[in-house]
Amino acid sequence: MQYLYHGSVIRGITKLNANSKLHNADIHVIYLTDNIPYALFYIWDEKRLGFGGKHVTGWIKNGIAYYEEQFPEQLKTFYKGASGYLYCIAKHSDFSTVEDREGMFYSSVDAVVDKTIYIADVYEELMQYEAVGKLKVLRYNDQSEQRQNELTDMIATSIIKHDFYKNDPARAMFMKKYFINAWKKAEERQ
């Protein structure tokens, strides 16, 4: 049986509800993926990180999940010690592919969970997928100085664009805590 996956810190989900808004459309859907490492990125520990919004810097290309760090040790910082659940849903005709997003599927119909897998440490699980070539981590410290500067500039520009998240104090604290260099650069540009 072929499964689609949904990662979550929430325990005991038996049905996934179509609560997310479909990009560029006015319908509510469930998003799922056929790529386990990518689904693991969504096991986001709000209590540990102090922010409920997910900051996922990953994608799927040619069946492989990619994760690009935007600061040193980002993957480890966000996922080491985080635990959660991988919810497995049998792939069926209610699921459509998301346009321009490899490995992503959606359905406007609620879906019953067929199987649940507990993930004790998301980071350790991701490292196993990296070891077998199903995940490629673009580590910040391995990037050229030019690329590091581009990443920092990109985040600094976003911080400025969002006015230092003055209307979202939780995100502001999150960005200031983890994206230290980008936050400083944004302040310098003010």
N, C-alpha and C. Protein backbone atom coordinates (compact mmCIF):
# COMPACT_ATOMS: atom_id res chain seq x y z
N MET A 1 0.84 -1.18 0.00
CA MET A 1 0.00 0.00 0.00
C MET A 1 0.89 1.24 0.00
N GLN A 2 0.52 2.21 -0.82
CA GLN A 2 1.28 3.46 -0.88
C GLN A 2 0.65 4.47 0.08
N TYR A 3 1.52 5.11 0.89
CA TYR A 3 1.03 6.06 1.87
C TYR A 3 1.44 7.48 1.53
N LEU A 4 0.66 8.41 2.06
CA LEU A 4 1.03 9.82 2.12
C LEU A 4 1.19 10.14 3.60
N TYR A 5 2.00 11.16 3.91
CA TYR A 5 2.41 11.39 5.29
C TYR A 5 2.14 12.82 5.75
N HIS A 6 1.92 12.91 7.06
CA HIS A 6 1.71 14.20 7.72
C HIS A 6 2.45 14.14 9.06
N GLY A 7 3.36 15.08 9.29
CA GLY A 7 4.09 15.13 10.55
C GLY A 7 3.46 16.11 11.51
N SER A 8 3.40 15.73 12.80
CA SER A 8 2.80 16.60 13.80
C SER A 8 3.31 16.26 15.19
N VAL A 9 3.33 17.24 16.09
CA VAL A 9 3.64 16.98 17.49
C VAL A 9 2.39 16.52 18.24
N ILE A 10 1.24 16.69 17.62
CA ILE A 10 -0.02 16.35 18.28
C ILE A 10 -0.22 14.84 18.31
N ARG A 11 -0.50 14.34 19.48
CA ARG A 11 -0.70 12.91 19.69
C ARG A 11 -2.16 12.52 19.44
N GLY A 12 -2.35 11.31 18.92
CA GLY A 12 -3.68 10.72 18.86
C GLY A 12 -4.58 11.19 17.74
N ILE A 13 -4.03 11.75 16.69
CA ILE A 13 -4.87 12.16 15.57
C ILE A 13 -5.39 10.91 14.86
N THR A 14 -6.69 10.85 14.66
CA THR A 14 -7.29 9.71 13.96
C THR A 14 -7.85 10.12 12.60
N LYS A 15 -8.04 11.44 12.43
CA LYS A 15 -8.57 11.96 11.17
C LYS A 15 -7.93 13.33 10.92
N LEU A 16 -7.46 13.53 9.69
CA LEU A 16 -6.92 14.83 9.30
C LEU A 16 -8.02 15.63 8.63
N ASN A 17 -8.26 16.82 9.13
CA ASN A 17 -9.32 17.66 8.60
C ASN A 17 -8.79 18.64 7.56
N ALA A 18 -9.62 18.92 6.59
CA ALA A 18 -9.25 19.86 5.52
C ALA A 18 -9.40 21.29 6.05
N ASN A 19 -8.36 21.75 6.76
CA ASN A 19 -8.40 23.08 7.39
C ASN A 19 -7.50 24.11 6.72
N SER A 20 -6.56 23.68 5.91
CA SER A 20 -5.62 24.61 5.28
C SER A 20 -6.20 25.16 3.99
N LYS A 21 -5.85 26.40 3.70
CA LYS A 21 -6.34 27.01 2.46
C LYS A 21 -5.43 26.60 1.30
N LEU A 22 -6.02 26.14 0.23
CA LEU A 22 -5.25 25.76 -0.95
C LEU A 22 -4.66 27.02 -1.57
N HIS A 23 -3.37 26.96 -1.89
CA HIS A 23 -2.70 28.11 -2.51
C HIS A 23 -3.43 28.52 -3.79
N ASN A 24 -3.68 29.79 -3.92
CA ASN A 24 -4.31 30.38 -5.10
C ASN A 24 -5.72 29.85 -5.39
N ALA A 25 -6.41 29.41 -4.35
CA ALA A 25 -7.78 28.93 -4.53
C ALA A 25 -8.57 29.20 -3.25
N ASP A 26 -9.87 29.13 -3.36
CA ASP A 26 -10.72 29.42 -2.21
C ASP A 26 -11.37 28.14 -1.66
N ILE A 27 -10.54 27.11 -1.47
CA ILE A 27 -11.05 25.88 -0.86
C ILE A 27 -10.10 25.46 0.26
N HIS A 28 -10.63 24.71 1.19
CA HIS A 28 -9.83 24.20 2.31
C HIS A 28 -9.44 22.75 2.03
N VAL A 29 -8.19 22.44 2.37
CA VAL A 29 -7.63 21.14 2.03
C VAL A 29 -6.76 20.60 3.15
N ILE A 30 -6.35 19.36 2.99
CA ILE A 30 -5.30 18.72 3.78
C ILE A 30 -4.09 18.66 2.87
N TYR A 31 -2.92 18.97 3.40
CA TYR A 31 -1.68 18.80 2.66
C TYR A 31 -0.95 17.57 3.19
N LEU A 32 -0.47 16.74 2.26
CA LEU A 32 0.30 15.56 2.61
C LEU A 32 1.46 15.42 1.63
N THR A 33 2.40 14.58 1.99
CA THR A 33 3.53 14.33 1.11
C THR A 33 3.80 12.84 1.02
N ASP A 34 4.44 12.45 -0.07
CA ASP A 34 4.86 11.05 -0.21
C ASP A 34 6.32 10.88 0.24
N ASN A 35 6.90 11.93 0.81
CA ASN A 35 8.31 11.95 1.19
C ASN A 35 8.43 12.05 2.71
N ILE A 36 8.85 10.96 3.35
CA ILE A 36 8.91 10.92 4.82
C ILE A 36 9.83 12.00 5.40
N PRO A 37 11.07 12.16 4.92
CA PRO A 37 11.90 13.21 5.53
C PRO A 37 11.24 14.59 5.46
N TYR A 38 10.58 14.89 4.36
CA TYR A 38 9.90 16.17 4.24
C TYR A 38 8.78 16.29 5.28
N ALA A 39 8.03 15.23 5.48
CA ALA A 39 6.95 15.24 6.49
C ALA A 39 7.53 15.46 7.89
N LEU A 40 8.72 14.93 8.14
CA LEU A 40 9.34 15.10 9.46
C LEU A 40 9.65 16.56 9.76
N PHE A 41 9.90 17.39 8.74
CA PHE A 41 10.16 18.81 8.96
C PHE A 41 8.99 19.50 9.66
N TYR A 42 7.80 18.92 9.56
CA TYR A 42 6.60 19.55 10.12
C TYR A 42 6.29 19.09 11.54
N ILE A 43 7.16 18.28 12.09
CA ILE A 43 7.03 17.95 13.52
C ILE A 43 7.76 19.08 14.24
N TRP A 44 7.03 20.11 14.55
CA TRP A 44 7.55 21.38 15.05
C TRP A 44 7.19 21.52 16.52
N ASP A 45 8.19 21.61 17.37
CA ASP A 45 7.99 21.65 18.82
C ASP A 45 7.88 23.11 19.30
N GLU A 46 6.67 23.61 19.32
CA GLU A 46 6.41 24.99 19.72
C GLU A 46 6.90 25.28 21.14
N LYS A 47 6.71 24.34 22.05
CA LYS A 47 7.13 24.56 23.44
C LYS A 47 8.64 24.77 23.53
N ARG A 48 9.40 23.97 22.81
CA ARG A 48 10.86 24.09 22.82
C ARG A 48 11.34 25.36 22.15
N LEU A 49 10.71 25.73 21.04
CA LEU A 49 11.19 26.82 20.21
C LEU A 49 10.54 28.16 20.51
N GLY A 50 9.42 28.13 21.23
CA GLY A 50 8.76 29.37 21.60
C GLY A 50 7.97 30.03 20.48
N PHE A 51 7.68 29.27 19.44
CA PHE A 51 6.96 29.82 18.29
C PHE A 51 6.14 28.72 17.63
N GLY A 52 4.86 28.98 17.44
CA GLY A 52 3.97 27.98 16.87
C GLY A 52 3.97 27.93 15.36
N GLY A 53 4.37 29.01 14.72
CA GLY A 53 4.46 29.00 13.26
C GLY A 53 5.68 28.18 12.84
N LYS A 54 5.55 27.42 11.82
CA LYS A 54 6.67 26.58 11.39
C LYS A 54 7.60 27.38 10.48
N HIS A 55 8.90 27.18 10.65
CA HIS A 55 9.89 27.81 9.78
C HIS A 55 10.63 26.67 9.08
N VAL A 56 10.02 26.18 8.01
CA VAL A 56 10.54 25.02 7.28
C VAL A 56 11.25 25.52 6.02
N THR A 57 12.53 25.20 5.92
CA THR A 57 13.32 25.64 4.78
C THR A 57 13.71 24.43 3.93
N GLY A 58 12.70 23.66 3.57
CA GLY A 58 12.94 22.44 2.81
C GLY A 58 12.06 22.34 1.58
N TRP A 59 12.42 21.40 0.74
CA TRP A 59 11.68 21.12 -0.49
C TRP A 59 12.04 19.71 -0.94
N ILE A 60 11.38 19.26 -1.99
CA ILE A 60 11.63 17.94 -2.56
C ILE A 60 12.04 18.13 -4.02
N LYS A 61 13.10 17.44 -4.42
CA LYS A 61 13.55 17.48 -5.82
C LYS A 61 14.04 16.09 -6.20
N ASN A 62 13.50 15.56 -7.29
CA ASN A 62 13.85 14.22 -7.77
C ASN A 62 13.71 13.16 -6.68
N GLY A 63 12.66 13.30 -5.88
CA GLY A 63 12.37 12.31 -4.85
C GLY A 63 13.19 12.44 -3.58
N ILE A 64 14.07 13.42 -3.52
CA ILE A 64 14.95 13.62 -2.35
C ILE A 64 14.52 14.89 -1.63
N ALA A 65 14.43 14.81 -0.30
CA ALA A 65 14.13 15.99 0.50
C ALA A 65 15.42 16.79 0.68
N TYR A 66 15.28 18.10 0.58
CA TYR A 66 16.39 19.03 0.80
C TYR A 66 16.03 19.94 1.95
N TYR A 67 17.05 20.33 2.71
CA TYR A 67 16.85 21.29 3.81
C TYR A 67 18.03 22.25 3.77
N GLU A 68 17.73 23.55 3.63
CA GLU A 68 18.80 24.54 3.59
C GLU A 68 18.80 25.34 4.89
N GLU A 69 19.90 25.25 5.60
CA GLU A 69 20.04 26.01 6.84
C GLU A 69 20.26 27.48 6.52
N GLN A 70 19.64 28.34 7.32
CA GLN A 70 19.79 29.78 7.16
C GLN A 70 20.62 30.39 8.29
N PHE A 71 21.05 29.57 9.22
CA PHE A 71 22.00 29.94 10.26
C PHE A 71 22.73 28.66 10.68
N PRO A 72 23.89 28.77 11.34
CA PRO A 72 24.65 27.57 11.71
C PRO A 72 23.85 26.61 12.59
N GLU A 73 23.90 25.32 12.22
CA GLU A 73 23.27 24.25 13.00
C GLU A 73 21.74 24.38 13.09
N GLN A 74 21.13 25.00 12.11
CA GLN A 74 19.68 25.22 12.15
C GLN A 74 18.89 23.91 12.28
N LEU A 75 19.21 22.93 11.47
CA LEU A 75 18.47 21.67 11.51
C LEU A 75 18.54 21.05 12.90
N LYS A 76 19.73 20.99 13.45
CA LYS A 76 19.93 20.42 14.79
C LYS A 76 19.21 21.25 15.85
N THR A 77 19.31 22.56 15.75
CA THR A 77 18.68 23.46 16.71
C THR A 77 17.17 23.27 16.74
N PHE A 78 16.55 23.16 15.57
CA PHE A 78 15.10 23.06 15.51
C PHE A 78 14.57 21.66 15.82
N TYR A 79 15.35 20.61 15.53
CA TYR A 79 14.77 19.27 15.59
C TYR A 79 15.40 18.31 16.60
N LYS A 80 16.59 18.59 17.11
CA LYS A 80 17.22 17.70 18.10
C LYS A 80 16.39 17.71 19.37
N GLY A 81 15.95 16.55 19.80
CA GLY A 81 15.13 16.44 21.00
C GLY A 81 13.64 16.62 20.76
N ALA A 82 13.26 17.03 19.57
CA ALA A 82 11.83 17.16 19.24
C ALA A 82 11.27 15.76 18.96
N SER A 83 10.08 15.51 19.45
CA SER A 83 9.43 14.23 19.17
C SER A 83 8.02 14.51 18.65
N GLY A 84 7.47 13.51 17.99
CA GLY A 84 6.13 13.68 17.44
C GLY A 84 5.69 12.44 16.69
N TYR A 85 4.81 12.66 15.76
CA TYR A 85 4.15 11.54 15.09
C TYR A 85 4.12 11.73 13.58
N LEU A 86 4.31 10.63 12.91
CA LEU A 86 4.18 10.59 11.47
C LEU A 86 2.86 9.86 11.19
N TYR A 87 1.91 10.58 10.66
CA TYR A 87 0.60 10.00 10.37
C TYR A 87 0.58 9.54 8.92
N CYS A 88 0.16 8.31 8.72
CA CYS A 88 0.18 7.67 7.40
C CYS A 88 -1.26 7.49 6.91
N ILE A 89 -1.51 7.97 5.71
CA ILE A 89 -2.82 7.89 5.10
C ILE A 89 -2.68 7.19 3.76
N ALA A 90 -3.50 6.18 3.53
CA ALA A 90 -3.44 5.44 2.26
C ALA A 90 -3.74 6.40 1.11
N LYS A 91 -2.88 6.38 0.11
CA LYS A 91 -3.05 7.25 -1.06
C LYS A 91 -4.22 6.71 -1.89
N HIS A 92 -5.16 7.62 -2.22
CA HIS A 92 -6.30 7.21 -3.03
C HIS A 92 -6.71 8.35 -3.95
N SER A 93 -7.79 8.16 -4.68
CA SER A 93 -8.18 9.08 -5.76
C SER A 93 -8.62 10.46 -5.26
N ASP A 94 -8.89 10.62 -3.95
CA ASP A 94 -9.27 11.94 -3.43
C ASP A 94 -8.09 12.90 -3.41
N PHE A 95 -6.87 12.39 -3.56
CA PHE A 95 -5.68 13.25 -3.48
C PHE A 95 -5.23 13.70 -4.86
N SER A 96 -4.94 14.99 -4.95
CA SER A 96 -4.42 15.59 -6.18
C SER A 96 -3.02 16.11 -5.92
N THR A 97 -2.23 16.23 -6.97
CA THR A 97 -0.88 16.77 -6.80
C THR A 97 -0.95 18.29 -6.69
N VAL A 98 -0.10 18.84 -5.85
CA VAL A 98 0.01 20.29 -5.71
C VAL A 98 0.84 20.80 -6.88
N GLU A 99 0.31 21.78 -7.57
CA GLU A 99 0.99 22.33 -8.74
C GLU A 99 2.36 22.91 -8.36
N ASP A 100 3.37 22.55 -9.12
CA ASP A 100 4.75 23.05 -8.95
C ASP A 100 5.36 22.69 -7.59
N ARG A 101 4.90 21.63 -6.94
CA ARG A 101 5.47 21.20 -5.67
C ARG A 101 5.63 19.68 -5.70
N GLU A 102 6.79 19.23 -6.08
CA GLU A 102 7.05 17.80 -6.17
C GLU A 102 6.78 17.11 -4.83
N GLY A 103 6.14 15.96 -4.91
CA GLY A 103 5.91 15.14 -3.73
C GLY A 103 4.83 15.63 -2.80
N MET A 104 4.11 16.67 -3.22
CA MET A 104 3.06 17.25 -2.37
C MET A 104 1.69 16.95 -2.96
N PHE A 105 0.75 16.63 -2.05
CA PHE A 105 -0.60 16.27 -2.45
C PHE A 105 -1.59 17.00 -1.56
N TYR A 106 -2.82 17.12 -2.06
CA TYR A 106 -3.87 17.74 -1.25
C TYR A 106 -5.20 17.05 -1.52
N SER A 107 -6.11 17.23 -0.56
CA SER A 107 -7.47 16.74 -0.71
C SER A 107 -8.40 17.69 0.02
N SER A 108 -9.56 17.93 -0.54
CA SER A 108 -10.56 18.76 0.13
C SER A 108 -11.46 17.91 1.02
N VAL A 109 -11.18 16.62 1.07
CA VAL A 109 -11.96 15.68 1.89
C VAL A 109 -11.12 15.27 3.10
N ASP A 110 -11.73 15.26 4.27
CA ASP A 110 -11.02 14.79 5.47
C ASP A 110 -10.50 13.37 5.22
N ALA A 111 -9.39 13.03 5.88
CA ALA A 111 -8.78 11.71 5.65
C ALA A 111 -8.56 10.98 6.97
N VAL A 112 -8.90 9.72 6.98
CA VAL A 112 -8.72 8.87 8.16
C VAL A 112 -7.27 8.39 8.20
N VAL A 113 -6.67 8.45 9.38
CA VAL A 113 -5.30 7.98 9.57
C VAL A 113 -5.30 6.46 9.59
N ASP A 114 -4.44 5.86 8.78
CA ASP A 114 -4.35 4.40 8.72
C ASP A 114 -3.32 3.84 9.67
N LYS A 115 -2.26 4.62 9.90
CA LYS A 115 -1.15 4.13 10.72
C LYS A 115 -0.44 5.34 11.31
N THR A 116 0.08 5.17 12.53
CA THR A 116 0.84 6.23 13.20
C THR A 116 2.20 5.69 13.60
N ILE A 117 3.24 6.48 13.34
CA ILE A 117 4.60 6.11 13.73
C ILE A 117 5.12 7.17 14.69
N TYR A 118 5.52 6.75 15.88
CA TYR A 118 6.09 7.69 16.86
C TYR A 118 7.55 7.96 16.51
N ILE A 119 7.93 9.22 16.52
CA ILE A 119 9.31 9.64 16.24
C ILE A 119 9.87 10.21 17.54
N ALA A 120 10.81 9.49 18.15
CA ALA A 120 11.34 9.89 19.46
C ALA A 120 12.24 11.11 19.37
N ASP A 121 13.03 11.23 18.30
CA ASP A 121 13.91 12.37 18.10
C ASP A 121 13.96 12.66 16.60
N VAL A 122 13.33 13.74 16.20
CA VAL A 122 13.20 14.06 14.78
C VAL A 122 14.57 14.22 14.13
N TYR A 123 15.49 14.89 14.82
CA TYR A 123 16.82 15.11 14.25
C TYR A 123 17.52 13.78 13.97
N GLU A 124 17.49 12.88 14.94
CA GLU A 124 18.14 11.57 14.75
C GLU A 124 17.50 10.81 13.59
N GLU A 125 16.19 10.91 13.46
CA GLU A 125 15.49 10.25 12.35
C GLU A 125 15.92 10.87 11.01
N LEU A 126 16.01 12.20 10.98
CA LEU A 126 16.46 12.87 9.75
C LEU A 126 17.88 12.47 9.38
N MET A 127 18.75 12.31 10.38
CA MET A 127 20.13 11.91 10.11
C MET A 127 20.20 10.52 9.48
N GLN A 128 19.26 9.64 9.85
CA GLN A 128 19.21 8.31 9.24
C GLN A 128 18.84 8.43 7.76
N TYR A 129 17.91 9.32 7.45
CA TYR A 129 17.54 9.52 6.04
C TYR A 129 18.67 10.18 5.26
N GLU A 130 19.42 11.06 5.91
CA GLU A 130 20.56 11.66 5.23
C GLU A 130 21.62 10.59 4.93
N ALA A 131 21.83 9.69 5.87
CA ALA A 131 22.85 8.64 5.71
C ALA A 131 22.57 7.73 4.51
N VAL A 132 21.30 7.56 4.18
CA VAL A 132 20.95 6.68 3.04
C VAL A 132 20.63 7.48 1.77
N GLY A 133 20.87 8.79 1.79
CA GLY A 133 20.71 9.60 0.59
C GLY A 133 19.31 10.08 0.29
N LYS A 134 18.39 9.93 1.23
CA LYS A 134 17.01 10.39 0.99
C LYS A 134 16.78 11.81 1.49
N LEU A 135 17.81 12.39 2.11
CA LEU A 135 17.78 13.77 2.58
C LEU A 135 19.15 14.39 2.31
N LYS A 136 19.14 15.58 1.77
CA LYS A 136 20.37 16.35 1.58
C LYS A 136 20.24 17.63 2.40
N VAL A 137 21.17 17.83 3.32
CA VAL A 137 21.16 19.02 4.16
C VAL A 137 22.22 19.99 3.63
N LEU A 138 21.78 21.16 3.26
CA LEU A 138 22.69 22.21 2.82
C LEU A 138 23.05 23.01 4.07
N ARG A 139 24.12 22.57 4.73
CA ARG A 139 24.49 23.16 6.00
C ARG A 139 25.09 24.55 5.81
N TYR A 140 24.65 25.46 6.65
CA TYR A 140 25.10 26.84 6.57
C TYR A 140 26.62 26.93 6.63
N ASN A 141 27.22 26.20 7.55
CA ASN A 141 28.67 26.27 7.74
C ASN A 141 29.45 25.70 6.56
N ASP A 142 28.80 24.90 5.71
CA ASP A 142 29.47 24.33 4.54
C ASP A 142 29.31 25.21 3.29
N GLN A 143 28.50 26.26 3.40
CA GLN A 143 28.26 27.15 2.25
C GLN A 143 29.43 28.12 2.09
N SER A 144 29.55 28.65 0.91
CA SER A 144 30.56 29.69 0.67
C SER A 144 30.19 30.92 1.49
N GLU A 145 31.17 31.77 1.71
CA GLU A 145 30.90 33.01 2.44
C GLU A 145 29.84 33.84 1.70
N GLN A 146 29.91 33.82 0.37
CA GLN A 146 28.93 34.56 -0.43
C GLN A 146 27.51 34.03 -0.17
N ARG A 147 27.35 32.71 -0.18
CA ARG A 147 26.01 32.14 0.06
C ARG A 147 25.55 32.42 1.48
N GLN A 148 26.44 32.33 2.45
CA GLN A 148 26.07 32.65 3.83
C GLN A 148 25.55 34.09 3.91
N ASN A 149 26.24 35.00 3.25
CA ASN A 149 25.81 36.40 3.25
C ASN A 149 24.47 36.57 2.55
N GLU A 150 24.25 35.82 1.46
CA GLU A 150 22.97 35.88 0.75
C GLU A 150 21.83 35.42 1.66
N LEU A 151 22.05 34.32 2.38
CA LEU A 151 21.03 33.80 3.28
C LEU A 151 20.72 34.79 4.40
N THR A 152 21.76 35.35 4.99
CA THR A 152 21.57 36.33 6.07
C THR A 152 20.85 37.56 5.55
N ASP A 153 21.25 38.03 4.37
CA ASP A 153 20.60 39.20 3.76
C ASP A 153 19.12 38.93 3.46
N MET A 154 18.85 37.73 2.97
CA MET A 154 17.47 37.36 2.64
C MET A 154 16.58 37.44 3.89
N ILE A 155 17.07 36.88 5.00
CA ILE A 155 16.28 36.90 6.23
C ILE A 155 16.19 38.33 6.78
N ALA A 156 17.28 39.10 6.73
CA ALA A 156 17.26 40.48 7.19
C ALA A 156 16.23 41.30 6.41
N THR A 157 16.19 41.10 5.10
CA THR A 157 15.22 41.79 4.25
C THR A 157 13.80 41.43 4.65
N SER A 158 13.57 40.16 4.95
CA SER A 158 12.24 39.71 5.37
C SER A 158 11.86 40.33 6.72
N ILE A 159 12.81 40.42 7.63
CA ILE A 159 12.55 41.02 8.94
C ILE A 159 12.13 42.49 8.77
N ILE A 160 12.85 43.20 7.92
CA ILE A 160 12.52 44.61 7.66
C ILE A 160 11.15 44.72 6.99
N LYS A 161 10.94 43.88 5.98
CA LYS A 161 9.66 43.89 5.24
C LYS A 161 8.48 43.71 6.18
N HIS A 162 8.67 42.87 7.21
CA HIS A 162 7.59 42.60 8.17
C HIS A 162 7.68 43.49 9.41
N ASP A 163 8.43 44.61 9.29
CA ASP A 163 8.54 45.61 10.35
C ASP A 163 8.92 44.97 11.69
N PHE A 164 9.92 44.11 11.63
CA PHE A 164 10.45 43.43 12.82
C PHE A 164 9.37 42.66 13.58
N TYR A 165 8.33 42.26 12.87
CA TYR A 165 7.24 41.46 13.43
C TYR A 165 6.62 42.12 14.66
N LYS A 166 6.46 43.43 14.60
CA LYS A 166 5.91 44.18 15.74
C LYS A 166 4.50 43.72 16.09
N ASN A 167 3.76 43.20 15.12
CA ASN A 167 2.41 42.72 15.38
C ASN A 167 2.37 41.22 15.69
N ASP A 168 3.53 40.61 15.79
CA ASP A 168 3.63 39.17 16.08
C ASP A 168 4.81 38.95 17.03
N PRO A 169 4.62 39.26 18.32
CA PRO A 169 5.73 39.20 19.27
C PRO A 169 6.39 37.81 19.38
N ALA A 170 5.62 36.76 19.23
CA ALA A 170 6.21 35.41 19.31
C ALA A 170 7.18 35.19 18.15
N ARG A 171 6.79 35.59 16.95
CA ARG A 171 7.68 35.44 15.79
C ARG A 171 8.89 36.35 15.95
N ALA A 172 8.68 37.55 16.45
CA ALA A 172 9.79 38.48 16.66
C ALA A 172 10.83 37.87 17.60
N MET A 173 10.38 37.30 18.71
CA MET A 173 11.30 36.67 19.66
C MET A 173 12.03 35.49 19.03
N PHE A 174 11.29 34.69 18.26
CA PHE A 174 11.86 33.54 17.57
C PHE A 174 12.95 33.99 16.59
N MET A 175 12.65 34.97 15.78
CA MET A 175 13.61 35.44 14.79
C MET A 175 14.84 36.06 15.47
N LYS A 176 14.61 36.83 16.50
CA LYS A 176 15.71 37.49 17.21
C LYS A 176 16.62 36.47 17.90
N LYS A 177 16.01 35.40 18.41
CA LYS A 177 16.76 34.37 19.13
C LYS A 177 17.59 33.49 18.19
N TYR A 178 17.00 33.07 17.07
CA TYR A 178 17.67 32.09 16.22
C TYR A 178 18.38 32.70 15.00
N PHE A 179 17.89 33.80 14.51
CA PHE A 179 18.48 34.42 13.33
C PHE A 179 19.24 35.68 13.77
N ILE A 180 20.18 35.48 14.66
CA ILE A 180 20.89 36.57 15.34
C ILE A 180 21.55 37.52 14.35
N ASN A 181 22.34 37.00 13.43
CA ASN A 181 23.06 37.85 12.48
C ASN A 181 22.11 38.59 11.54
N ALA A 182 21.06 37.93 11.12
CA ALA A 182 20.09 38.58 10.24
C ALA A 182 19.36 39.69 10.98
N TRP A 183 19.01 39.44 12.23
CA TRP A 183 18.32 40.45 13.03
C TRP A 183 19.22 41.69 13.20
N LYS A 184 20.51 41.44 13.52
CA LYS A 184 21.45 42.55 13.70
C LYS A 184 21.60 43.33 12.39
N LYS A 185 21.70 42.61 11.28
CA LYS A 185 21.83 43.26 9.98
C LYS A 185 20.59 44.10 9.67
N ALA A 186 19.42 43.58 10.00
CA ALA A 186 18.18 44.33 9.78
C ALA A 186 18.17 45.61 10.61
N GLU A 187 18.62 45.51 11.86
CA GLU A 187 18.68 46.70 12.72
C GLU A 187 19.65 47.73 12.17
N GLU A 188 20.77 47.26 11.62
CA GLU A 188 21.77 48.18 11.05
C GLU A 188 21.23 48.92 9.84
N ARG A 189 20.32 48.30 9.12
CA ARG A 189 19.76 48.92 7.90
C ARG A 189 18.68 49.95 8.23
N GLN A 190 18.22 49.95 9.46
CA GLN A 190 17.15 50.89 9.84
C GLN A 190 17.63 52.31 9.90
